[in-house]
Amino acid sequence: MEHIKKYVRHTIERHGRTLIVEGPIAPEELRRLTMHPKLDAFRRPAEQHVALVEIAELPEGRIIAARDGDVLVGYVTFHYPDEMERWSEGGMEDLVELGAIEVADDYRNYGLGKAMISAAFEDGQLDNMIVYTTEYYWHWDLETSGLNVWEYREMMERLMKSVGMVWFATDDPEICAHPANCLMVRIGKDVPLSSAEQFDRVRFRQRFMY
């Protein structure tokens, strides 16, 4: 399986700050950056830093970063599904998860999430992949954002739709556990029909119900 990685870099000016959005970023470059202390949504910043470097080292892994100088202020991760999750059951080499998206509190409302995701799909580098993301309301920062669960869901859908990801049905129990949860998917234009059909089989274990 060819994992196409084409480095892109954009400069964004926001409120007197010059920010860089770039990636897929190399592990050695990630190591030299300092994590913003507010990048703590999933684990402590130092631990998250190690995890990001590990993802960047994977053949399929990619990290898109937003930085202010040498300080990492946001990131998006792409990697194969966790082997404990149903999405790995098909053994698909062309299925990757858009995993964590995080932006430090002080840098929110700068459009960094959209800029990072857009950079990931530039130059057709994910056109030979099925990219999926699972949105669970219990991961959302409702308190800081001031949004209710449906407003946050709408915001995340808009973000994903900006790169052509659309809502897909599934009988996955975690996604079905709350109506705000959802599965969003982009099937690249160079993905073979056989892979799309295999993904359908992964999405539904109980097809007789649908």
N, C-alpha and C. Protein backbone atom coordinates (compact mmCIF):
# COMPACT_ATOMS: atom_id res chain seq x y z
N MET A 1 0.84 -1.20 0.00
CA MET A 1 0.00 0.00 0.00
C MET A 1 0.88 1.25 0.00
N GLU A 2 0.66 2.13 -0.96
CA GLU A 2 1.44 3.36 -1.02
C GLU A 2 0.78 4.45 -0.17
N HIS A 3 1.53 4.94 0.80
CA HIS A 3 1.05 6.05 1.62
C HIS A 3 1.69 7.34 1.10
N ILE A 4 0.89 8.11 0.41
CA ILE A 4 1.38 9.32 -0.26
C ILE A 4 1.43 10.47 0.74
N LYS A 5 2.63 10.97 0.98
CA LYS A 5 2.80 12.08 1.90
C LYS A 5 3.51 13.22 1.18
N LYS A 6 2.79 14.30 1.00
CA LYS A 6 3.34 15.48 0.34
C LYS A 6 3.31 16.65 1.32
N TYR A 7 4.47 17.06 1.75
CA TYR A 7 4.57 18.11 2.74
C TYR A 7 3.99 19.42 2.22
N VAL A 8 3.12 20.05 3.01
CA VAL A 8 2.57 21.36 2.67
C VAL A 8 2.78 22.31 3.85
N ARG A 9 2.86 23.57 3.55
CA ARG A 9 3.12 24.57 4.59
C ARG A 9 2.38 25.85 4.25
N HIS A 10 1.63 26.38 5.21
CA HIS A 10 0.89 27.62 5.00
C HIS A 10 1.13 28.57 6.18
N THR A 11 1.17 29.84 5.87
CA THR A 11 1.30 30.87 6.90
C THR A 11 -0.05 31.53 7.12
N ILE A 12 -0.43 31.66 8.37
CA ILE A 12 -1.72 32.25 8.73
C ILE A 12 -1.48 33.42 9.68
N GLU A 13 -2.02 34.56 9.34
CA GLU A 13 -1.91 35.74 10.20
C GLU A 13 -3.20 35.91 10.98
N ARG A 14 -3.11 35.91 12.30
CA ARG A 14 -4.28 36.05 13.16
C ARG A 14 -3.94 36.91 14.38
N HIS A 15 -4.65 38.01 14.53
CA HIS A 15 -4.54 38.85 15.72
C HIS A 15 -3.09 39.17 16.06
N GLY A 16 -2.35 39.56 15.05
CA GLY A 16 -0.96 39.94 15.26
C GLY A 16 0.01 38.78 15.39
N ARG A 17 -0.48 37.55 15.26
CA ARG A 17 0.37 36.37 15.35
C ARG A 17 0.58 35.78 13.97
N THR A 18 1.79 35.31 13.72
CA THR A 18 2.09 34.58 12.49
C THR A 18 2.20 33.11 12.83
N LEU A 19 1.25 32.34 12.35
CA LEU A 19 1.18 30.92 12.67
C LEU A 19 1.50 30.09 11.43
N ILE A 20 2.06 28.93 11.66
CA ILE A 20 2.40 28.02 10.57
C ILE A 20 1.54 26.76 10.70
N VAL A 21 0.90 26.40 9.60
CA VAL A 21 0.20 25.12 9.50
C VAL A 21 0.98 24.28 8.50
N GLU A 22 1.40 23.08 8.92
CA GLU A 22 2.27 22.28 8.06
C GLU A 22 2.09 20.79 8.32
N GLY A 23 2.50 20.02 7.33
CA GLY A 23 2.48 18.58 7.50
C GLY A 23 2.34 17.86 6.17
N PRO A 24 2.41 16.54 6.18
CA PRO A 24 2.72 15.73 7.34
C PRO A 24 4.11 16.08 7.89
N ILE A 25 4.18 16.29 9.19
CA ILE A 25 5.40 16.76 9.81
C ILE A 25 6.25 15.56 10.23
N ALA A 26 7.54 15.65 10.01
CA ALA A 26 8.44 14.54 10.30
C ALA A 26 8.63 14.38 11.81
N PRO A 27 8.87 13.15 12.26
CA PRO A 27 9.03 12.93 13.71
C PRO A 27 10.16 13.73 14.32
N GLU A 28 11.27 13.88 13.60
CA GLU A 28 12.38 14.66 14.16
C GLU A 28 12.02 16.13 14.33
N GLU A 29 11.18 16.66 13.46
CA GLU A 29 10.72 18.03 13.60
C GLU A 29 9.76 18.15 14.77
N LEU A 30 8.89 17.16 14.93
CA LEU A 30 7.97 17.16 16.07
C LEU A 30 8.72 17.14 17.40
N ARG A 31 9.78 16.37 17.45
CA ARG A 31 10.54 16.25 18.70
C ARG A 31 11.09 17.59 19.17
N ARG A 32 11.47 18.44 18.25
CA ARG A 32 12.10 19.71 18.64
C ARG A 32 11.08 20.77 19.06
N LEU A 33 9.79 20.54 18.77
CA LEU A 33 8.77 21.50 19.15
C LEU A 33 8.36 21.32 20.60
N THR A 34 7.89 22.40 21.19
CA THR A 34 7.38 22.38 22.56
C THR A 34 5.86 22.34 22.52
N MET A 35 5.27 21.49 23.32
CA MET A 35 3.81 21.41 23.38
C MET A 35 3.24 22.57 24.18
N HIS A 36 2.20 23.19 23.66
CA HIS A 36 1.49 24.21 24.43
C HIS A 36 0.86 23.52 25.66
N PRO A 37 0.94 24.15 26.83
CA PRO A 37 0.43 23.49 28.04
C PRO A 37 -1.07 23.22 28.03
N LYS A 38 -1.82 23.90 27.14
CA LYS A 38 -3.26 23.68 27.08
C LYS A 38 -3.66 22.57 26.10
N LEU A 39 -2.68 21.91 25.52
CA LEU A 39 -2.99 20.75 24.67
C LEU A 39 -3.08 19.52 25.58
N ASP A 40 -4.17 19.48 26.33
CA ASP A 40 -4.30 18.46 27.37
C ASP A 40 -5.66 17.76 27.34
N ALA A 41 -6.33 17.79 26.20
CA ALA A 41 -7.67 17.22 26.11
C ALA A 41 -7.66 15.70 26.24
N PHE A 42 -6.61 15.04 25.76
CA PHE A 42 -6.58 13.58 25.72
C PHE A 42 -5.64 12.99 26.76
N ARG A 43 -4.54 13.66 27.02
CA ARG A 43 -3.59 13.24 28.05
C ARG A 43 -2.69 14.44 28.36
N ARG A 44 -1.82 14.29 29.31
CA ARG A 44 -0.94 15.40 29.65
C ARG A 44 -0.06 15.75 28.45
N PRO A 45 0.26 17.06 28.28
CA PRO A 45 0.98 17.49 27.08
C PRO A 45 2.25 16.69 26.79
N ALA A 46 3.05 16.40 27.80
CA ALA A 46 4.29 15.66 27.57
C ALA A 46 4.01 14.27 27.02
N GLU A 47 2.97 13.63 27.55
CA GLU A 47 2.60 12.29 27.08
C GLU A 47 2.03 12.35 25.67
N GLN A 48 1.25 13.40 25.40
CA GLN A 48 0.68 13.56 24.07
C GLN A 48 1.78 13.81 23.05
N HIS A 49 2.80 14.55 23.45
CA HIS A 49 3.94 14.83 22.57
C HIS A 49 4.58 13.52 22.13
N VAL A 50 4.81 12.62 23.07
CA VAL A 50 5.40 11.32 22.75
C VAL A 50 4.49 10.54 21.78
N ALA A 51 3.19 10.58 22.04
CA ALA A 51 2.24 9.87 21.18
C ALA A 51 2.25 10.41 19.75
N LEU A 52 2.34 11.73 19.61
CA LEU A 52 2.37 12.33 18.27
C LEU A 52 3.61 11.90 17.50
N VAL A 53 4.74 11.88 18.17
CA VAL A 53 5.98 11.44 17.51
C VAL A 53 5.85 9.99 17.07
N GLU A 54 5.26 9.16 17.90
CA GLU A 54 5.08 7.75 17.56
C GLU A 54 4.18 7.58 16.34
N ILE A 55 3.12 8.38 16.26
CA ILE A 55 2.24 8.32 15.09
C ILE A 55 2.98 8.76 13.84
N ALA A 56 3.76 9.83 13.95
CA ALA A 56 4.50 10.35 12.80
C ALA A 56 5.51 9.33 12.27
N GLU A 57 5.95 8.43 13.13
CA GLU A 57 6.92 7.41 12.72
C GLU A 57 6.29 6.23 11.99
N LEU A 58 4.96 6.10 12.06
CA LEU A 58 4.28 4.99 11.40
C LEU A 58 4.25 5.20 9.89
N PRO A 59 4.33 4.12 9.11
CA PRO A 59 4.27 4.27 7.65
C PRO A 59 3.02 5.01 7.18
N GLU A 60 1.86 4.69 7.80
CA GLU A 60 0.62 5.33 7.42
C GLU A 60 0.31 6.57 8.23
N GLY A 61 1.05 6.78 9.32
CA GLY A 61 0.74 7.87 10.23
C GLY A 61 1.11 9.23 9.66
N ARG A 62 0.32 10.21 10.01
CA ARG A 62 0.64 11.58 9.62
C ARG A 62 0.09 12.53 10.67
N ILE A 63 0.90 13.54 10.96
CA ILE A 63 0.52 14.61 11.88
C ILE A 63 0.53 15.92 11.11
N ILE A 64 -0.58 16.62 11.14
CA ILE A 64 -0.64 17.98 10.61
C ILE A 64 -0.58 18.91 11.82
N ALA A 65 0.32 19.85 11.81
CA ALA A 65 0.59 20.67 12.99
C ALA A 65 0.29 22.14 12.73
N ALA A 66 -0.10 22.82 13.79
CA ALA A 66 -0.17 24.28 13.80
C ALA A 66 0.79 24.74 14.88
N ARG A 67 1.67 25.67 14.54
CA ARG A 67 2.64 26.11 15.53
C ARG A 67 2.79 27.63 15.52
N ASP A 68 3.14 28.12 16.68
CA ASP A 68 3.46 29.53 16.89
C ASP A 68 4.94 29.56 17.24
N GLY A 69 5.78 29.85 16.26
CA GLY A 69 7.21 29.70 16.47
C GLY A 69 7.53 28.24 16.65
N ASP A 70 8.17 27.90 17.76
CA ASP A 70 8.51 26.51 18.05
C ASP A 70 7.54 25.86 19.03
N VAL A 71 6.38 26.48 19.23
CA VAL A 71 5.38 25.95 20.14
C VAL A 71 4.24 25.33 19.34
N LEU A 72 4.00 24.05 19.57
CA LEU A 72 2.89 23.37 18.91
C LEU A 72 1.59 23.79 19.58
N VAL A 73 0.67 24.38 18.79
CA VAL A 73 -0.58 24.89 19.37
C VAL A 73 -1.81 24.14 18.85
N GLY A 74 -1.60 23.22 17.92
CA GLY A 74 -2.71 22.43 17.41
C GLY A 74 -2.18 21.29 16.57
N TYR A 75 -3.00 20.25 16.42
CA TYR A 75 -2.59 19.10 15.61
C TYR A 75 -3.81 18.30 15.19
N VAL A 76 -3.62 17.55 14.11
CA VAL A 76 -4.59 16.56 13.64
C VAL A 76 -3.82 15.28 13.38
N THR A 77 -4.36 14.14 13.80
CA THR A 77 -3.67 12.86 13.61
C THR A 77 -4.41 11.98 12.60
N PHE A 78 -3.63 11.20 11.85
CA PHE A 78 -4.16 10.19 10.94
C PHE A 78 -3.36 8.91 11.17
N HIS A 79 -4.04 7.78 11.27
CA HIS A 79 -3.38 6.51 11.53
C HIS A 79 -4.37 5.38 11.26
N TYR A 80 -3.86 4.17 11.24
CA TYR A 80 -4.74 3.01 11.09
C TYR A 80 -5.64 2.87 12.33
N PRO A 81 -6.79 2.23 12.18
CA PRO A 81 -7.66 2.02 13.32
C PRO A 81 -6.96 1.21 14.42
N ASP A 82 -7.30 1.49 15.65
CA ASP A 82 -6.81 0.69 16.77
C ASP A 82 -7.27 -0.76 16.58
N GLU A 83 -6.38 -1.70 16.83
CA GLU A 83 -6.72 -3.11 16.59
C GLU A 83 -7.83 -3.62 17.51
N MET A 84 -8.15 -2.87 18.56
CA MET A 84 -9.23 -3.26 19.46
C MET A 84 -10.58 -2.74 18.98
N GLU A 85 -10.59 -1.89 17.95
CA GLU A 85 -11.84 -1.31 17.46
C GLU A 85 -12.36 -2.07 16.24
N ARG A 86 -13.65 -1.98 16.03
CA ARG A 86 -14.26 -2.74 14.92
C ARG A 86 -13.71 -2.31 13.56
N TRP A 87 -13.26 -1.07 13.44
CA TRP A 87 -12.83 -0.55 12.14
C TRP A 87 -11.58 -1.24 11.62
N SER A 88 -10.88 -1.97 12.50
CA SER A 88 -9.71 -2.72 12.07
C SER A 88 -10.06 -4.13 11.58
N GLU A 89 -11.31 -4.52 11.75
CA GLU A 89 -11.70 -5.91 11.50
C GLU A 89 -11.56 -6.31 10.03
N GLY A 90 -11.68 -5.36 9.13
CA GLY A 90 -11.58 -5.69 7.71
C GLY A 90 -10.16 -5.87 7.23
N GLY A 91 -9.16 -5.55 8.09
CA GLY A 91 -7.77 -5.68 7.68
C GLY A 91 -7.43 -4.83 6.47
N MET A 92 -8.03 -3.63 6.39
CA MET A 92 -7.90 -2.80 5.20
C MET A 92 -6.67 -1.90 5.27
N GLU A 93 -5.81 -2.02 4.27
CA GLU A 93 -4.62 -1.17 4.21
C GLU A 93 -4.94 0.24 3.74
N ASP A 94 -6.11 0.42 3.13
CA ASP A 94 -6.45 1.75 2.62
C ASP A 94 -7.56 2.41 3.44
N LEU A 95 -7.65 2.05 4.72
CA LEU A 95 -8.59 2.69 5.64
C LEU A 95 -7.82 3.32 6.78
N VAL A 96 -7.91 4.64 6.91
CA VAL A 96 -7.22 5.33 8.00
C VAL A 96 -8.21 6.20 8.77
N GLU A 97 -7.89 6.37 10.02
CA GLU A 97 -8.74 7.18 10.90
C GLU A 97 -8.19 8.58 11.03
N LEU A 98 -9.07 9.57 10.84
CA LEU A 98 -8.76 10.93 11.25
C LEU A 98 -9.09 10.92 12.74
N GLY A 99 -8.06 10.88 13.56
CA GLY A 99 -8.25 10.64 14.99
C GLY A 99 -8.46 11.92 15.78
N ALA A 100 -7.44 12.33 16.48
CA ALA A 100 -7.56 13.49 17.36
C ALA A 100 -7.42 14.80 16.59
N ILE A 101 -8.25 15.76 16.97
CA ILE A 101 -8.10 17.15 16.53
C ILE A 101 -8.08 17.98 17.80
N GLU A 102 -7.02 18.73 17.99
CA GLU A 102 -6.94 19.55 19.20
C GLU A 102 -6.27 20.88 18.88
N VAL A 103 -6.82 21.96 19.44
CA VAL A 103 -6.25 23.30 19.33
C VAL A 103 -6.22 23.89 20.73
N ALA A 104 -5.09 24.45 21.12
CA ALA A 104 -4.97 25.06 22.44
C ALA A 104 -6.00 26.17 22.61
N ASP A 105 -6.51 26.31 23.83
CA ASP A 105 -7.59 27.26 24.11
C ASP A 105 -7.30 28.66 23.57
N ASP A 106 -6.08 29.14 23.76
CA ASP A 106 -5.73 30.51 23.37
C ASP A 106 -5.73 30.72 21.85
N TYR A 107 -5.83 29.64 21.09
CA TYR A 107 -5.73 29.73 19.63
C TYR A 107 -7.00 29.27 18.93
N ARG A 108 -8.07 29.15 19.70
CA ARG A 108 -9.33 28.76 19.09
C ARG A 108 -9.98 29.95 18.38
N ASN A 109 -10.87 29.64 17.47
CA ASN A 109 -11.54 30.65 16.64
C ASN A 109 -10.58 31.34 15.68
N TYR A 110 -9.45 30.70 15.42
CA TYR A 110 -8.49 31.21 14.44
C TYR A 110 -8.62 30.46 13.10
N GLY A 111 -9.51 29.48 13.05
CA GLY A 111 -9.65 28.68 11.84
C GLY A 111 -8.57 27.64 11.66
N LEU A 112 -7.87 27.29 12.75
CA LEU A 112 -6.75 26.35 12.63
C LEU A 112 -7.22 24.93 12.35
N GLY A 113 -8.35 24.53 12.94
CA GLY A 113 -8.85 23.18 12.69
C GLY A 113 -9.10 22.95 11.21
N LYS A 114 -9.79 23.88 10.59
CA LYS A 114 -10.09 23.75 9.16
C LYS A 114 -8.82 23.82 8.33
N ALA A 115 -7.90 24.71 8.70
CA ALA A 115 -6.65 24.85 7.95
C ALA A 115 -5.83 23.57 8.01
N MET A 116 -5.79 22.93 9.18
CA MET A 116 -5.00 21.71 9.32
C MET A 116 -5.62 20.56 8.53
N ILE A 117 -6.93 20.41 8.63
CA ILE A 117 -7.58 19.31 7.91
C ILE A 117 -7.45 19.52 6.40
N SER A 118 -7.62 20.75 5.95
CA SER A 118 -7.49 21.04 4.52
C SER A 118 -6.09 20.70 4.02
N ALA A 119 -5.08 21.02 4.83
CA ALA A 119 -3.69 20.73 4.45
C ALA A 119 -3.47 19.23 4.29
N ALA A 120 -4.14 18.43 5.12
CA ALA A 120 -3.96 16.98 5.07
C ALA A 120 -4.40 16.39 3.73
N PHE A 121 -5.40 17.01 3.11
CA PHE A 121 -5.96 16.46 1.87
C PHE A 121 -5.42 17.14 0.62
N GLU A 122 -4.51 18.08 0.78
CA GLU A 122 -3.98 18.82 -0.37
C GLU A 122 -3.24 17.89 -1.34
N ASP A 123 -3.25 18.26 -2.58
CA ASP A 123 -2.49 17.57 -3.63
C ASP A 123 -2.89 16.11 -3.79
N GLY A 124 -4.12 15.78 -3.40
CA GLY A 124 -4.63 14.43 -3.62
C GLY A 124 -3.94 13.35 -2.83
N GLN A 125 -3.24 13.73 -1.73
CA GLN A 125 -2.42 12.74 -1.04
C GLN A 125 -3.22 11.69 -0.27
N LEU A 126 -4.53 11.90 -0.10
CA LEU A 126 -5.37 10.89 0.54
C LEU A 126 -6.44 10.37 -0.41
N ASP A 127 -6.24 10.57 -1.70
CA ASP A 127 -7.23 10.14 -2.68
C ASP A 127 -7.27 8.63 -2.86
N ASN A 128 -6.24 7.92 -2.40
CA ASN A 128 -6.24 6.46 -2.50
C ASN A 128 -6.63 5.80 -1.18
N MET A 129 -7.22 6.60 -0.26
CA MET A 129 -7.58 6.11 1.06
C MET A 129 -9.05 6.38 1.39
N ILE A 130 -9.63 5.51 2.21
CA ILE A 130 -10.89 5.82 2.88
C ILE A 130 -10.52 6.43 4.23
N VAL A 131 -10.93 7.65 4.45
CA VAL A 131 -10.65 8.33 5.71
C VAL A 131 -11.95 8.44 6.49
N TYR A 132 -11.93 8.00 7.73
CA TYR A 132 -13.13 8.09 8.56
C TYR A 132 -12.81 8.76 9.88
N THR A 133 -13.83 9.31 10.50
CA THR A 133 -13.69 9.83 11.85
C THR A 133 -14.95 9.49 12.63
N THR A 134 -14.78 9.15 13.89
CA THR A 134 -15.90 8.86 14.77
C THR A 134 -16.04 10.02 15.75
N GLU A 135 -17.20 10.63 15.73
CA GLU A 135 -17.46 11.78 16.60
C GLU A 135 -18.33 11.34 17.77
N TYR A 136 -17.80 11.47 18.99
CA TYR A 136 -18.51 11.11 20.20
C TYR A 136 -18.70 12.37 21.05
N TYR A 137 -19.92 12.62 21.47
CA TYR A 137 -20.19 13.87 22.19
C TYR A 137 -19.40 13.97 23.48
N TRP A 138 -19.04 12.83 24.09
CA TRP A 138 -18.31 12.90 25.36
C TRP A 138 -16.86 13.33 25.18
N HIS A 139 -16.40 13.44 23.96
CA HIS A 139 -15.05 13.97 23.69
C HIS A 139 -15.07 15.48 23.46
N TRP A 140 -16.24 16.06 23.31
CA TRP A 140 -16.32 17.45 22.91
C TRP A 140 -16.18 18.39 24.10
N ASP A 141 -15.54 19.50 23.88
CA ASP A 141 -15.31 20.49 24.94
C ASP A 141 -16.50 21.45 24.99
N LEU A 142 -17.60 20.98 25.50
CA LEU A 142 -18.82 21.79 25.55
C LEU A 142 -18.67 22.95 26.52
N GLU A 143 -17.99 22.72 27.62
CA GLU A 143 -17.88 23.76 28.65
C GLU A 143 -17.11 24.97 28.14
N THR A 144 -15.93 24.75 27.57
CA THR A 144 -15.13 25.88 27.10
C THR A 144 -15.75 26.55 25.89
N SER A 145 -16.32 25.75 24.99
CA SER A 145 -16.88 26.31 23.76
C SER A 145 -18.16 27.10 24.00
N GLY A 146 -18.90 26.74 25.05
CA GLY A 146 -20.19 27.39 25.30
C GLY A 146 -21.30 26.88 24.41
N LEU A 147 -21.02 25.83 23.63
CA LEU A 147 -22.01 25.27 22.72
C LEU A 147 -22.75 24.12 23.39
N ASN A 148 -24.00 23.90 22.97
CA ASN A 148 -24.68 22.69 23.43
C ASN A 148 -24.27 21.54 22.51
N VAL A 149 -24.72 20.34 22.83
CA VAL A 149 -24.24 19.17 22.12
C VAL A 149 -24.61 19.21 20.64
N TRP A 150 -25.77 19.76 20.30
CA TRP A 150 -26.20 19.79 18.89
C TRP A 150 -25.46 20.88 18.13
N GLU A 151 -25.17 22.00 18.77
CA GLU A 151 -24.37 23.05 18.12
C GLU A 151 -22.95 22.55 17.86
N TYR A 152 -22.41 21.82 18.82
CA TYR A 152 -21.05 21.29 18.63
C TYR A 152 -21.04 20.26 17.51
N ARG A 153 -22.06 19.42 17.50
CA ARG A 153 -22.17 18.41 16.42
C ARG A 153 -22.21 19.11 15.06
N GLU A 154 -23.00 20.17 14.95
CA GLU A 154 -23.09 20.91 13.68
C GLU A 154 -21.75 21.50 13.30
N MET A 155 -21.03 22.04 14.28
CA MET A 155 -19.71 22.61 14.01
C MET A 155 -18.75 21.55 13.48
N MET A 156 -18.76 20.36 14.10
CA MET A 156 -17.87 19.29 13.66
C MET A 156 -18.26 18.79 12.27
N GLU A 157 -19.55 18.71 12.00
CA GLU A 157 -19.98 18.29 10.66
C GLU A 157 -19.51 19.28 9.60
N ARG A 158 -19.65 20.58 9.87
CA ARG A 158 -19.19 21.59 8.91
C ARG A 158 -17.70 21.45 8.67
N LEU A 159 -16.96 21.20 9.74
CA LEU A 159 -15.51 21.05 9.62
C LEU A 159 -15.16 19.87 8.72
N MET A 160 -15.80 18.74 8.96
CA MET A 160 -15.50 17.56 8.16
C MET A 160 -16.00 17.69 6.72
N LYS A 161 -17.13 18.31 6.54
CA LYS A 161 -17.66 18.50 5.18
C LYS A 161 -16.77 19.41 4.35
N SER A 162 -15.96 20.24 5.00
CA SER A 162 -15.08 21.16 4.26
C SER A 162 -14.04 20.41 3.45
N VAL A 163 -13.77 19.12 3.79
CA VAL A 163 -12.84 18.32 3.01
C VAL A 163 -13.54 17.13 2.35
N GLY A 164 -14.86 17.22 2.24
CA GLY A 164 -15.60 16.20 1.50
C GLY A 164 -16.01 14.99 2.30
N MET A 165 -15.90 15.05 3.62
CA MET A 165 -16.36 13.94 4.45
C MET A 165 -17.86 14.08 4.67
N VAL A 166 -18.55 12.95 4.63
CA VAL A 166 -20.01 12.97 4.76
C VAL A 166 -20.44 11.95 5.80
N TRP A 167 -21.68 12.13 6.28
CA TRP A 167 -22.25 11.23 7.29
C TRP A 167 -22.51 9.86 6.68
N PHE A 168 -22.12 8.80 7.39
CA PHE A 168 -22.37 7.43 6.99
C PHE A 168 -23.10 6.72 8.12
N ALA A 169 -24.07 5.89 7.78
CA ALA A 169 -24.78 5.10 8.78
C ALA A 169 -23.91 3.93 9.23
N THR A 170 -24.16 3.46 10.45
CA THR A 170 -23.46 2.31 11.00
C THR A 170 -24.27 1.74 12.15
N ASP A 171 -24.02 0.47 12.48
CA ASP A 171 -24.65 -0.10 13.67
C ASP A 171 -23.64 -0.23 14.82
N ASP A 172 -22.53 0.49 14.73
CA ASP A 172 -21.54 0.47 15.81
C ASP A 172 -22.19 0.90 17.12
N PRO A 173 -22.09 0.11 18.19
CA PRO A 173 -22.79 0.42 19.43
C PRO A 173 -22.40 1.75 20.06
N GLU A 174 -21.12 2.11 19.99
CA GLU A 174 -20.70 3.38 20.60
C GLU A 174 -21.32 4.57 19.87
N ILE A 175 -21.34 4.51 18.56
CA ILE A 175 -21.92 5.62 17.81
C ILE A 175 -23.43 5.65 18.03
N CYS A 176 -24.05 4.48 18.10
CA CYS A 176 -25.50 4.41 18.30
C CYS A 176 -25.91 4.74 19.74
N ALA A 177 -24.93 4.89 20.64
CA ALA A 177 -25.23 5.12 22.06
C ALA A 177 -25.86 6.49 22.30
N HIS A 178 -25.67 7.44 21.39
CA HIS A 178 -26.25 8.78 21.55
C HIS A 178 -26.51 9.36 20.17
N PRO A 179 -27.65 10.01 19.96
CA PRO A 179 -27.98 10.51 18.62
C PRO A 179 -27.05 11.61 18.11
N ALA A 180 -26.28 12.22 18.98
CA ALA A 180 -25.34 13.25 18.52
C ALA A 180 -24.06 12.64 17.96
N ASN A 181 -23.76 11.41 18.34
CA ASN A 181 -22.56 10.75 17.82
C ASN A 181 -22.74 10.46 16.33
N CYS A 182 -21.64 10.41 15.61
CA CYS A 182 -21.76 10.14 14.18
C CYS A 182 -20.46 9.61 13.60
N LEU A 183 -20.60 8.96 12.46
CA LEU A 183 -19.48 8.48 11.66
C LEU A 183 -19.44 9.32 10.39
N MET A 184 -18.28 9.90 10.09
CA MET A 184 -18.12 10.67 8.86
C MET A 184 -16.97 10.09 8.06
N VAL A 185 -17.14 10.06 6.74
CA VAL A 185 -16.24 9.30 5.88
C VAL A 185 -15.97 10.06 4.58
N ARG A 186 -14.76 9.93 4.10
CA ARG A 186 -14.41 10.38 2.74
C ARG A 186 -13.78 9.21 2.01
N ILE A 187 -14.40 8.79 0.93
CA ILE A 187 -13.85 7.73 0.09
C ILE A 187 -13.12 8.40 -1.06
N GLY A 188 -11.80 8.29 -1.06
CA GLY A 188 -11.00 8.94 -2.08
C GLY A 188 -11.33 8.46 -3.48
N LYS A 189 -11.11 9.33 -4.45
CA LYS A 189 -11.51 9.01 -5.83
C LYS A 189 -10.74 7.84 -6.42
N ASP A 190 -9.59 7.50 -5.83
CA ASP A 190 -8.78 6.40 -6.36
C ASP A 190 -8.94 5.11 -5.55
N VAL A 191 -9.91 5.09 -4.66
CA VAL A 191 -10.17 3.89 -3.86
C VAL A 191 -10.96 2.89 -4.70
N PRO A 192 -10.53 1.63 -4.76
CA PRO A 192 -11.26 0.64 -5.56
C PRO A 192 -12.61 0.30 -4.94
N LEU A 193 -13.54 -0.12 -5.79
CA LEU A 193 -14.88 -0.48 -5.33
C LEU A 193 -14.82 -1.59 -4.28
N SER A 194 -13.87 -2.51 -4.43
CA SER A 194 -13.76 -3.62 -3.48
C SER A 194 -13.50 -3.11 -2.06
N SER A 195 -12.74 -2.04 -1.93
CA SER A 195 -12.47 -1.47 -0.61
C SER A 195 -13.70 -0.79 -0.04
N ALA A 196 -14.42 -0.07 -0.88
CA ALA A 196 -15.66 0.57 -0.43
C ALA A 196 -16.66 -0.48 0.05
N GLU A 197 -16.73 -1.61 -0.65
CA GLU A 197 -17.65 -2.68 -0.26
C GLU A 197 -17.20 -3.34 1.04
N GLN A 198 -15.87 -3.50 1.20
CA GLN A 198 -15.37 -4.08 2.44
C GLN A 198 -15.67 -3.16 3.62
N PHE A 199 -15.55 -1.86 3.41
CA PHE A 199 -15.86 -0.91 4.48
C PHE A 199 -17.34 -0.99 4.84
N ASP A 200 -18.20 -1.19 3.87
CA ASP A 200 -19.63 -1.36 4.15
C ASP A 200 -19.86 -2.56 5.08
N ARG A 201 -19.11 -3.63 4.86
CA ARG A 201 -19.27 -4.81 5.70
C ARG A 201 -18.78 -4.55 7.12
N VAL A 202 -17.78 -3.70 7.26
CA VAL A 202 -17.29 -3.33 8.59
C VAL A 202 -18.29 -2.43 9.31
N ARG A 203 -18.92 -1.54 8.55
CA ARG A 203 -19.88 -0.60 9.16
C ARG A 203 -21.09 -1.31 9.75
N PHE A 204 -21.50 -2.39 9.12
CA PHE A 204 -22.72 -3.08 9.55
C PHE A 204 -22.44 -4.54 9.88
N ARG A 205 -22.62 -4.88 11.12
CA ARG A 205 -22.55 -6.28 11.52
C ARG A 205 -23.93 -6.93 11.43
N GLN A 206 -24.96 -6.12 11.63
CA GLN A 206 -26.33 -6.66 11.65
C GLN A 206 -27.10 -6.12 10.45
N ARG A 207 -26.70 -6.49 9.27
CA ARG A 207 -27.27 -5.91 8.05
C ARG A 207 -28.75 -6.19 7.92
N PHE A 208 -29.23 -7.28 8.50
CA PHE A 208 -30.66 -7.60 8.36
C PHE A 208 -31.54 -6.56 9.01
N MET A 209 -30.96 -5.71 9.86
CA MET A 209 -31.74 -4.70 10.56
C MET A 209 -31.92 -3.44 9.71
N TYR A 210 -31.21 -3.34 8.56
CA TYR A 210 -31.20 -2.07 7.82
C TYR A 210 -31.72 -2.27 6.40
